[in-house]
PDB file of N, CA and C in Angstrom:
ATOM      1  N   UNK A   1       0.815  -1.190   0.000  1.00  0.00           N
ATOM      2  CA  UNK A   1       0.000   0.000   0.000  1.00  0.00           C
ATOM      3  C   UNK A   1       0.861   1.257   0.000  1.00  0.00           C
ATOM      4  N   UNK A   2       2.034   1.216   0.688  1.00  0.00           N
ATOM      5  CA  UNK A   2       2.923   2.371   0.714  1.00  0.00           C
ATOM      6  C   UNK A   2       3.409   2.724  -0.687  1.00  0.00           C
ATOM      7  N   UNK A   3       3.672   1.714  -1.505  1.00  0.00           N
ATOM      8  CA  UNK A   3       4.112   1.950  -2.881  1.00  0.00           C
ATOM      9  C   UNK A   3       3.056   2.660  -3.692  1.00  0.00           C
ATOM     10  N   UNK A   4       1.797   2.274  -3.498  1.00  0.00           N
ATOM     11  CA  UNK A   4       0.694   2.922  -4.211  1.00  0.00           C
ATOM     12  C   UNK A   4       0.529   4.366  -3.763  1.00  0.00           C
ATOM     13  N   UNK A   5       0.658   4.602  -2.478  1.00  0.00           N
ATOM     14  CA  UNK A   5       0.566   5.963  -1.946  1.00  0.00           C
ATOM     15  C   UNK A   5       1.700   6.827  -2.476  1.00  0.00           C
ATOM     16  N   UNK A   6       2.900   6.283  -2.509  1.00  0.00           N
ATOM     17  CA  UNK A   6       4.052   7.024  -3.018  1.00  0.00           C
ATOM     18  C   UNK A   6       3.884   7.336  -4.501  1.00  0.00           C
ATOM     19  N   UNK A   7       3.397   6.377  -5.269  1.00  0.00           N
ATOM     20  CA  UNK A   7       3.179   6.599  -6.698  1.00  0.00           C
ATOM     21  C   UNK A   7       2.112   7.658  -6.921  1.00  0.00           C
ATOM     22  N   UNK A   8       1.060   7.605  -6.127  1.00  0.00           N
ATOM     23  CA  UNK A   8      -0.017   8.594  -6.235  1.00  0.00           C
ATOM     24  C   UNK A   8       0.496   9.985  -5.882  1.00  0.00           C
ATOM     25  N   UNK A   9       1.301  10.076  -4.838  1.00  0.00           N
ATOM     26  CA  UNK A   9       1.878  11.348  -4.425  1.00  0.00           C
ATOM     27  C   UNK A   9       2.807  11.895  -5.497  1.00  0.00           C
ATOM     28  N   UNK A  10       3.633  11.037  -6.073  1.00  0.00           N
ATOM     29  CA  UNK A  10       4.557  11.463  -7.123  1.00  0.00           C
ATOM     30  C   UNK A  10       3.783  11.963  -8.334  1.00  0.00           C
ATOM     31  N   UNK A  11       2.712  11.262  -8.694  1.00  0.00           N
ATOM     32  CA  UNK A  11       1.893  11.682  -9.830  1.00  0.00           C
ATOM     33  C   UNK A  11       1.281  13.057  -9.576  1.00  0.00           C
ATOM     34  N   UNK A  12       0.805  13.287  -8.360  1.00  0.00           N
ATOM     35  CA  UNK A  12       0.210  14.578  -8.019  1.00  0.00           C
ATOM     36  C   UNK A  12       1.243  15.692  -8.111  1.00  0.00           C
ATOM     37  N   UNK A  13       2.455  15.432  -7.639  1.00  0.00           N
ATOM     38  CA  UNK A  13       3.521  16.434  -7.691  1.00  0.00           C
ATOM     39  C   UNK A  13       3.900  16.733  -9.135  1.00  0.00           C
ATOM     40  N   UNK A  14       4.059  15.696  -9.926  1.00  0.00           N
ATOM     41  CA  UNK A  14       4.419  15.882 -11.335  1.00  0.00           C
ATOM     42  C   UNK A  14       3.325  16.665 -12.043  1.00  0.00           C
ATOM     43  N   UNK A  15       2.077  16.331 -11.789  1.00  0.00           N
ATOM     44  CA  UNK A  15       0.953  17.034 -12.402  1.00  0.00           C
ATOM     45  C   UNK A  15       0.936  18.507 -11.999  1.00  0.00           C
ATOM     46  N   UNK A  16       1.140  18.776 -10.726  1.00  0.00           N
ATOM     47  CA  UNK A  16       1.181  20.156 -10.239  1.00  0.00           C
ATOM     48  C   UNK A  16       2.344  20.915 -10.859  1.00  0.00           C
ATOM     49  N   UNK A  17       3.490  20.280 -10.952  1.00  0.00           N
ATOM     50  CA  UNK A  17       4.670  20.926 -11.543  1.00  0.00           C
ATOM     51  C   UNK A  17       4.428  21.260 -13.013  1.00  0.00           C
ATOM     52  N   UNK A  18       3.787  20.360 -13.734  1.00  0.00           N
ATOM     53  CA  UNK A  18       3.477  20.631 -15.137  1.00  0.00           C
ATOM     54  C   UNK A  18       2.516  21.805 -15.258  1.00  0.00           C
ATOM     55  N   UNK A  19       1.528  21.844 -14.395  1.00  0.00           N
ATOM     56  CA  UNK A  19       0.561  22.941 -14.403  1.00  0.00           C
ATOM     57  C   UNK A  19       1.248  24.276 -14.090  1.00  0.00           C
ATOM     58  N   UNK A  20       2.105  24.288 -13.095  1.00  0.00           N
ATOM     59  CA  UNK A  20       2.825  25.509 -12.720  1.00  0.00           C
ATOM     60  C   UNK A  20       3.763  25.928 -13.842  1.00  0.00           C
ATOM     61  N   UNK A  21       4.445  24.966 -14.458  1.00  0.00           N
ATOM     62  CA  UNK A  21       5.349  25.264 -15.565  1.00  0.00           C
ATOM     63  C   UNK A  21       4.594  25.978 -16.684  1.00  0.00           C
ATOM     64  N   UNK A  22       3.409  25.483 -17.011  1.00  0.00           N
ATOM     65  CA  UNK A  22       2.602  26.115 -18.054  1.00  0.00           C
ATOM     66  C   UNK A  22       2.216  27.537 -17.677  1.00  0.00           C
ATOM     67  N   UNK A  23       1.844  27.741 -16.426  1.00  0.00           N
ATOM     68  CA  UNK A  23       1.486  29.080 -15.967  1.00  0.00           C
ATOM     69  C   UNK A  23       2.661  30.040 -16.010  1.00  0.00           C
ATOM     70  N   UNK A  24       3.817  29.578 -15.584  1.00  0.00           N
ATOM     71  CA  UNK A  24       5.015  30.419 -15.611  1.00  0.00           C
ATOM     72  C   UNK A  24       5.382  30.770 -17.051  1.00  0.00           C
ATOM     73  N   UNK A  25       5.279  29.790 -17.932  1.00  0.00           N
ATOM     74  CA  UNK A  25       5.607  30.040 -19.336  1.00  0.00           C
ATOM     75  C   UNK A  25       4.680  31.096 -19.934  1.00  0.00           C
ATOM     76  N   UNK A  26       3.402  31.034 -19.601  1.00  0.00           N
ATOM     77  CA  UNK A  26       2.439  32.031 -20.088  1.00  0.00           C
ATOM     78  C   UNK A  26       2.799  33.419 -19.558  1.00  0.00           C
ATOM     79  N   UNK A  27       3.179  33.485 -18.270  1.00  0.00           N
ATOM     80  CA  UNK A  27       3.569  34.768 -17.689  1.00  0.00           C
ATOM     81  C   UNK A  27       4.811  35.326 -18.379  1.00  0.00           C
ATOM     82  N   UNK A  28       5.799  34.462 -18.606  1.00  0.00           N
ATOM     83  CA  UNK A  28       7.026  34.899 -19.295  1.00  0.00           C
ATOM     84  C   UNK A  28       6.705  35.390 -20.698  1.00  0.00           C
ATOM     85  N   UNK A  29       5.869  34.648 -21.405  1.00  0.00           N
ATOM     86  CA  UNK A  29       5.500  35.047 -22.763  1.00  0.00           C
ATOM     87  C   UNK A  29       4.792  36.400 -22.763  1.00  0.00           C
ATOM     88  N   UNK A  30       3.896  36.597 -21.798  1.00  0.00           N
ATOM     89  CA  UNK A  30       3.171  37.861 -21.725  1.00  0.00           C
ATOM     90  C   UNK A  30       4.126  39.020 -21.477  1.00  0.00           C
ATOM     91  N   UNK A  31       4.966  38.897 -20.440  1.00  0.00           N
ATOM     92  CA  UNK A  31       5.865  40.006 -20.103  1.00  0.00           C
ATOM     93  C   UNK A  31       6.876  40.266 -21.216  1.00  0.00           C
ATOM     94  N   UNK A  32       7.312  39.208 -21.880  1.00  0.00           N
ATOM     95  CA  UNK A  32       8.265  39.368 -22.976  1.00  0.00           C
ATOM     96  C   UNK A  32       7.619  40.076 -24.160  1.00  0.00           C
ATOM     97  N   UNK A  33       6.321  39.891 -24.341  1.00  0.00           N
ATOM     98  CA  UNK A  33       5.627  40.496 -25.485  1.00  0.00           C
ATOM     99  C   UNK A  33       5.447  42.009 -25.345  1.00  0.00           C
ATOM    100  N   UNK A  34       5.634  42.541 -24.157  1.00  0.00           N
ATOM    101  CA  UNK A  34       5.464  43.978 -23.944  1.00  0.00           C
ATOM    102  C   UNK A  34       6.699  44.691 -24.493  1.00  0.00           C
ATOM    103  N   UNK A  35       6.486  45.525 -25.482  1.00  0.00           N
ATOM    104  CA  UNK A  35       7.584  46.181 -26.208  1.00  0.00           C
ATOM    105  C   UNK A  35       8.358  47.179 -25.331  1.00  0.00           C
ATOM    106  N   UNK A  36       7.686  48.145 -24.765  1.00  0.00           N
ATOM    107  CA  UNK A  36       8.345  49.212 -23.999  1.00  0.00           C
ATOM    108  C   UNK A  36       8.199  48.965 -22.500  1.00  0.00           C
ATOM    109  N   UNK A  37       8.589  47.777 -22.094  1.00  0.00           N
ATOM    110  CA  UNK A  37       8.416  47.414 -20.690  1.00  0.00           C
ATOM    111  C   UNK A  37       9.503  48.067 -19.826  1.00  0.00           C
ATOM    112  N   UNK A  38       9.157  48.387 -18.588  1.00  0.00           N
ATOM    113  CA  UNK A  38      10.160  48.936 -17.661  1.00  0.00           C
ATOM    114  C   UNK A  38      11.235  47.892 -17.359  1.00  0.00           C
ATOM    115  N   UNK A  39      12.380  48.357 -16.899  1.00  0.00           N
ATOM    116  CA  UNK A  39      13.490  47.450 -16.575  1.00  0.00           C
ATOM    117  C   UNK A  39      13.112  46.469 -15.475  1.00  0.00           C
ATOM    118  N   UNK A  40      12.221  46.868 -14.588  1.00  0.00           N
ATOM    119  CA  UNK A  40      11.786  45.972 -13.516  1.00  0.00           C
ATOM    120  C   UNK A  40      11.133  44.710 -14.084  1.00  0.00           C
ATOM    121  N   UNK A  41      10.474  44.847 -15.209  1.00  0.00           N
ATOM    122  CA  UNK A  41       9.820  43.697 -15.833  1.00  0.00           C
ATOM    123  C   UNK A  41      10.861  42.677 -16.288  1.00  0.00           C
ATOM    124  N   UNK A  42      12.002  43.156 -16.784  1.00  0.00           N
ATOM    125  CA  UNK A  42      13.076  42.235 -17.174  1.00  0.00           C
ATOM    126  C   UNK A  42      13.547  41.412 -15.980  1.00  0.00           C
ATOM    127  N   UNK A  43      13.589  42.036 -14.826  1.00  0.00           N
ATOM    128  CA  UNK A  43      13.972  41.327 -13.606  1.00  0.00           C
ATOM    129  C   UNK A  43      12.922  40.266 -13.257  1.00  0.00           C
ATOM    130  N   UNK A  44      11.666  40.597 -13.436  1.00  0.00           N
ATOM    131  CA  UNK A  44      10.589  39.639 -13.176  1.00  0.00           C
ATOM    132  C   UNK A  44      10.714  38.446 -14.118  1.00  0.00           C
ATOM    133  N   UNK A  45      10.995  38.726 -15.393  1.00  0.00           N
ATOM    134  CA  UNK A  45      11.144  37.646 -16.377  1.00  0.00           C
ATOM    135  C   UNK A  45      12.298  36.729 -15.976  1.00  0.00           C
ATOM    136  N   UNK A  46      13.410  37.303 -15.553  1.00  0.00           N
ATOM    137  CA  UNK A  46      14.555  36.489 -15.125  1.00  0.00           C
ATOM    138  C   UNK A  46      14.205  35.646 -13.907  1.00  0.00           C
ATOM    139  N   UNK A  47      13.491  36.239 -12.953  1.00  0.00           N
ATOM    140  CA  UNK A  47      13.082  35.489 -11.762  1.00  0.00           C
ATOM    141  C   UNK A  47      12.140  34.345 -12.135  1.00  0.00           C
ATOM    142  N   UNK A  48      11.229  34.603 -13.054  1.00  0.00           N
ATOM    143  CA  UNK A  48      10.312  33.561 -13.492  1.00  0.00           C
ATOM    144  C   UNK A  48      11.061  32.418 -14.170  1.00  0.00           C
ATOM    145  N   UNK A  49      12.107  32.749 -14.916  1.00  0.00           N
ATOM    146  CA  UNK A  49      12.903  31.706 -15.568  1.00  0.00           C
ATOM    147  C   UNK A  49      13.611  30.831 -14.526  1.00  0.00           C
ATOM    148  N   UNK A  50      14.087  31.451 -13.457  1.00  0.00           N
ATOM    149  CA  UNK A  50      14.725  30.683 -12.376  1.00  0.00           C
ATOM    150  C   UNK A  50      13.706  29.752 -11.728  1.00  0.00           C
ATOM    151  N   UNK A  51      12.521  30.285 -11.437  1.00  0.00           N
ATOM    152  CA  UNK A  51      11.474  29.460 -10.830  1.00  0.00           C
ATOM    153  C   UNK A  51      11.080  28.328 -11.782  1.00  0.00           C
ATOM    154  N   UNK A  52      11.024  28.629 -13.071  1.00  0.00           N
ATOM    155  CA  UNK A  52      10.701  27.608 -14.072  1.00  0.00           C
ATOM    156  C   UNK A  52      11.718  26.467 -14.037  1.00  0.00           C
ATOM    157  N   UNK A  53      12.993  26.803 -13.954  1.00  0.00           N
ATOM    158  CA  UNK A  53      14.041  25.774 -13.865  1.00  0.00           C
ATOM    159  C   UNK A  53      13.880  24.935 -12.598  1.00  0.00           C
ATOM    160  N   UNK A  54      13.568  25.583 -11.496  1.00  0.00           N
ATOM    161  CA  UNK A  54      13.392  24.870 -10.224  1.00  0.00           C
ATOM    162  C   UNK A  54      12.194  23.930 -10.308  1.00  0.00           C
ATOM    163  N   UNK A  55      11.106  24.414 -10.892  1.00  0.00           N
ATOM    164  CA  UNK A  55       9.908  23.578 -11.030  1.00  0.00           C
ATOM    165  C   UNK A  55      10.208  22.355 -11.892  1.00  0.00           C
ATOM    166  N   UNK A  56      10.948  22.548 -12.970  1.00  0.00           N
ATOM    167  CA  UNK A  56      11.314  21.416 -13.832  1.00  0.00           C
ATOM    168  C   UNK A  56      12.169  20.401 -13.070  1.00  0.00           C
ATOM    169  N   UNK A  57      13.087  20.888 -12.239  1.00  0.00           N
ATOM    170  CA  UNK A  57      13.921  19.991 -11.435  1.00  0.00           C
ATOM    171  C   UNK A  57      13.091  19.226 -10.401  1.00  0.00           C
ATOM    172  N   UNK A  58      12.132  19.909  -9.786  1.00  0.00           N
ATOM    173  CA  UNK A  58      11.255  19.243  -8.819  1.00  0.00           C
ATOM    174  C   UNK A  58      10.440  18.159  -9.519  1.00  0.00           C
ATOM    175  N   UNK A  59       9.936  18.475 -10.712  1.00  0.00           N
ATOM    176  CA  UNK A  59       9.151  17.498 -11.464  1.00  0.00           C
ATOM    177  C   UNK A  59       9.981  16.248 -11.758  1.00  0.00           C
ATOM    178  N   UNK A  60      11.221  16.461 -12.190  1.00  0.00           N
ATOM    179  CA  UNK A  60      12.093  15.320 -12.478  1.00  0.00           C
ATOM    180  C   UNK A  60      12.384  14.498 -11.221  1.00  0.00           C
ATOM    181  N   UNK A  61      12.665  15.183 -10.139  1.00  0.00           N
ATOM    182  CA  UNK A  61      12.972  14.494  -8.879  1.00  0.00           C
ATOM    183  C   UNK A  61      11.755  13.723  -8.376  1.00  0.00           C
ATOM    184  N   UNK A  62      10.577  14.329  -8.488  1.00  0.00           N
ATOM    185  CA  UNK A  62       9.358  13.676  -7.999  1.00  0.00           C
ATOM    186  C   UNK A  62       8.981  12.470  -8.844  1.00  0.00           C
ATOM    187  N   UNK A  63       9.381  12.459 -10.110  1.00  0.00           N
ATOM    188  CA  UNK A  63       9.025  11.342 -10.972  1.00  0.00           C
ATOM    189  C   UNK A  63       9.934  10.131 -10.777  1.00  0.00           C
ATOM    190  N   UNK A  64      11.029  10.298 -10.016  1.00  0.00           N
ATOM    191  CA  UNK A  64      11.887   9.153  -9.680  1.00  0.00           C
ATOM    192  C   UNK A  64      11.130   8.191  -8.773  1.00  0.00           C
ATOM    193  N   UNK A  65      11.426   6.929  -8.905  1.00  0.00           N
ATOM    194  CA  UNK A  65      10.736   5.922  -8.100  1.00  0.00           C
ATOM    195  C   UNK A  65      11.300   5.783  -6.692  1.00  0.00           C
ATOM    196  N   UNK A  66      12.471   6.307  -6.467  1.00  0.00           N
ATOM    197  CA  UNK A  66      13.073   6.171  -5.136  1.00  0.00           C
ATOM    198  C   UNK A  66      12.336   7.059  -4.130  1.00  0.00           C
ATOM    199  N   UNK A  67      12.487   6.798  -2.839  1.00  0.00           N
ATOM    200  CA  UNK A  67      11.783   7.601  -1.826  1.00  0.00           C
ATOM    201  C   UNK A  67      12.180   9.074  -1.896  1.00  0.00           C
ATOM    202  N   UNK A  68      11.234   9.928  -1.593  1.00  0.00           N
ATOM    203  CA  UNK A  68      11.487  11.366  -1.634  1.00  0.00           C
ATOM    204  C   UNK A  68      12.274  11.820  -0.415  1.00  0.00           C
ATOM    205  N   UNK A  69      13.184  12.747  -0.644  1.00  0.00           N
ATOM    206  CA  UNK A  69      13.953  13.328   0.454  1.00  0.00           C
ATOM    207  C   UNK A  69      13.105  14.386   1.157  1.00  0.00           C
ATOM    208  N   UNK A  70      13.560  14.808   2.323  1.00  0.00           N
ATOM    209  CA  UNK A  70      12.835  15.870   3.029  1.00  0.00           C
ATOM    210  C   UNK A  70      12.915  17.181   2.260  1.00  0.00           C
ATOM    211  N   UNK A  71      14.005  17.374   1.502  1.00  0.00           N
ATOM    212  CA  UNK A  71      14.117  18.581   0.674  1.00  0.00           C
ATOM    213  C   UNK A  71      13.048  18.586  -0.409  1.00  0.00           C
ATOM    214  N   UNK A  72      12.770  17.424  -0.980  1.00  0.00           N
ATOM    215  CA  UNK A  72      11.725  17.352  -1.996  1.00  0.00           C
ATOM    216  C   UNK A  72      10.365  17.613  -1.365  1.00  0.00           C
ATOM    217  N   UNK A  73      10.146  17.128  -0.170  1.00  0.00           N
ATOM    218  CA  UNK A  73       8.881  17.389   0.522  1.00  0.00           C
ATOM    219  C   UNK A  73       8.690  18.882   0.747  1.00  0.00           C
ATOM    220  N   UNK A  74       9.757  19.576   1.115  1.00  0.00           N
ATOM    221  CA  UNK A  74       9.678  21.032   1.282  1.00  0.00           C
ATOM    222  C   UNK A  74       9.426  21.714  -0.056  1.00  0.00           C
ATOM    223  N   UNK A  75      10.032  21.180  -1.099  1.00  0.00           N
ATOM    224  CA  UNK A  75       9.831  21.739  -2.437  1.00  0.00           C
ATOM    225  C   UNK A  75       8.390  21.578  -2.889  1.00  0.00           C
ATOM    226  N   UNK A  76       7.789  20.467  -2.533  1.00  0.00           N
ATOM    227  CA  UNK A  76       6.387  20.228  -2.883  1.00  0.00           C
ATOM    228  C   UNK A  76       5.501  21.265  -2.195  1.00  0.00           C
ATOM    229  N   UNK A  77       5.796  21.569  -0.948  1.00  0.00           N
ATOM    230  CA  UNK A  77       5.036  22.610  -0.243  1.00  0.00           C
ATOM    231  C   UNK A  77       5.213  23.958  -0.931  1.00  0.00           C
ATOM    232  N   UNK A  78       6.415  24.241  -1.395  1.00  0.00           N
ATOM    233  CA  UNK A  78       6.668  25.487  -2.117  1.00  0.00           C
ATOM    234  C   UNK A  78       5.893  25.525  -3.432  1.00  0.00           C
ATOM    235  N   UNK A  79       5.803  24.393  -4.117  1.00  0.00           N
ATOM    236  CA  UNK A  79       5.026  24.328  -5.361  1.00  0.00           C
ATOM    237  C   UNK A  79       3.568  24.689  -5.114  1.00  0.00           C
ATOM    238  N   UNK A  80       3.031  24.203  -4.028  1.00  0.00           N
ATOM    239  CA  UNK A  80       1.635  24.526  -3.704  1.00  0.00           C
ATOM    240  C   UNK A  80       1.454  26.025  -3.510  1.00  0.00           C
ATOM    241  N   UNK A  81       2.432  26.672  -2.869  1.00  0.00           N
ATOM    242  CA  UNK A  81       2.373  28.127  -2.715  1.00  0.00           C
ATOM    243  C   UNK A  81       2.512  28.846  -4.041  1.00  0.00           C
ATOM    244  N   UNK A  82       3.392  28.345  -4.908  1.00  0.00           N
ATOM    245  CA  UNK A  82       3.574  28.933  -6.237  1.00  0.00           C
ATOM    246  C   UNK A  82       2.298  28.852  -7.052  1.00  0.00           C
ATOM    247  N   UNK A  83       1.601  27.765  -6.907  1.00  0.00           N
ATOM    248  CA  UNK A  83       0.392  27.549  -7.690  1.00  0.00           C
ATOM    249  C   UNK A  83      -0.625  28.662  -7.462  1.00  0.00           C
ATOM    250  N   UNK A  84      -0.873  29.018  -6.217  1.00  0.00           N
ATOM    251  CA  UNK A  84      -1.856  30.065  -5.937  1.00  0.00           C
ATOM    252  C   UNK A  84      -1.356  31.434  -6.396  1.00  0.00           C
ATOM    253  N   UNK A  85      -0.056  31.686  -6.283  1.00  0.00           N
ATOM    254  CA  UNK A  85       0.499  32.957  -6.752  1.00  0.00           C
ATOM    255  C   UNK A  85       0.384  33.081  -8.268  1.00  0.00           C
ATOM    256  N   UNK A  86       0.656  32.001  -8.969  1.00  0.00           N
ATOM    257  CA  UNK A  86       0.576  32.030 -10.425  1.00  0.00           C
ATOM    258  C   UNK A  86      -0.863  32.234 -10.871  1.00  0.00           C
ATOM    259  N   UNK A  87      -1.802  31.613 -10.188  1.00  0.00           N
ATOM    260  CA  UNK A  87      -3.213  31.813 -10.521  1.00  0.00           C
ATOM    261  C   UNK A  87      -3.598  33.277 -10.348  1.00  0.00           C
ATOM    262  N   UNK A  88      -3.119  33.923  -9.294  1.00  0.00           N
ATOM    263  CA  UNK A  88      -3.423  35.333  -9.063  1.00  0.00           C
ATOM    264  C   UNK A  88      -2.811  36.208 -10.165  1.00  0.00           C
ATOM    265  N   UNK A  89      -1.571  35.924 -10.551  1.00  0.00           N
ATOM    266  CA  UNK A  89      -0.927  36.682 -11.619  1.00  0.00           C
ATOM    267  C   UNK A  89      -1.630  36.474 -12.951  1.00  0.00           C
ATOM    268  N   UNK A  90      -2.055  35.256 -13.227  1.00  0.00           N
ATOM    269  CA  UNK A  90      -2.768  34.993 -14.480  1.00  0.00           C
ATOM    270  C   UNK A  90      -4.090  35.728 -14.509  1.00  0.00           C
ATOM    271  N   UNK A  91      -4.732  35.832 -13.383  1.00  0.00           N
ATOM    272  CA  UNK A  91      -5.995  36.570 -13.301  1.00  0.00           C
ATOM    273  C   UNK A  91      -5.776  38.049 -13.642  1.00  0.00           C
ATOM    274  N   UNK A  92      -4.700  38.615 -13.123  1.00  0.00           N
ATOM    275  CA  UNK A  92      -4.367  40.016 -13.434  1.00  0.00           C
ATOM    276  C   UNK A  92      -4.078  40.181 -14.918  1.00  0.00           C
ATOM    277  N   UNK A  93      -3.306  39.260 -15.483  1.00  0.00           N
ATOM    278  CA  UNK A  93      -2.952  39.338 -16.902  1.00  0.00           C
ATOM    279  C   UNK A  93      -4.190  39.184 -17.770  1.00  0.00           C
ATOM    280  N   UNK A  94      -5.097  38.293 -17.381  1.00  0.00           N
ATOM    281  CA  UNK A  94      -6.317  38.114 -18.154  1.00  0.00           C
ATOM    282  C   UNK A  94      -7.146  39.389 -18.199  1.00  0.00           C
ATOM    283  N   UNK A  95      -7.095  40.187 -17.158  1.00  0.00           N
ATOM    284  CA  UNK A  95      -7.823  41.451 -17.125  1.00  0.00           C
ATOM    285  C   UNK A  95      -7.177  42.485 -18.039  1.00  0.00           C
ATOM    286  N   UNK A  96      -5.871  42.365 -18.239  1.00  0.00           N
ATOM    287  CA  UNK A  96      -5.167  43.297 -19.113  1.00  0.00           C
ATOM    288  C   UNK A  96      -5.473  42.974 -20.560  1.00  0.00           C
TER     289      UNK A  96
END
C-alpha cells in the first residue's frame, strides 16, 4: 500500500509541476511580449525563468521511483504556494 501511496503522491507532484510550468511560461511570454516594458519587468522575467528551472527539477525528482527526500517534501510545499500565486498573476494578466 505504501508503494501505491508514493506513486499517487509522485503523480500529483508531477501534475502540479506541469501545471505551474505552463502558468510560468504564459507569464514569461506575456511580459516578454510587452515592447516598452520597464526594466523591472526584465527582472521579473529572469526570476520567473529561475522558478521555471526549479519547477522542472522538482518534477524530475518527484518522478523518480526512489523515496522522496525531506528537501523534496519542502519543495512540494513550495510548489503549492507557487500555484496560488501564479493563478493570481494569471488573473491580473487576463484582465489586461
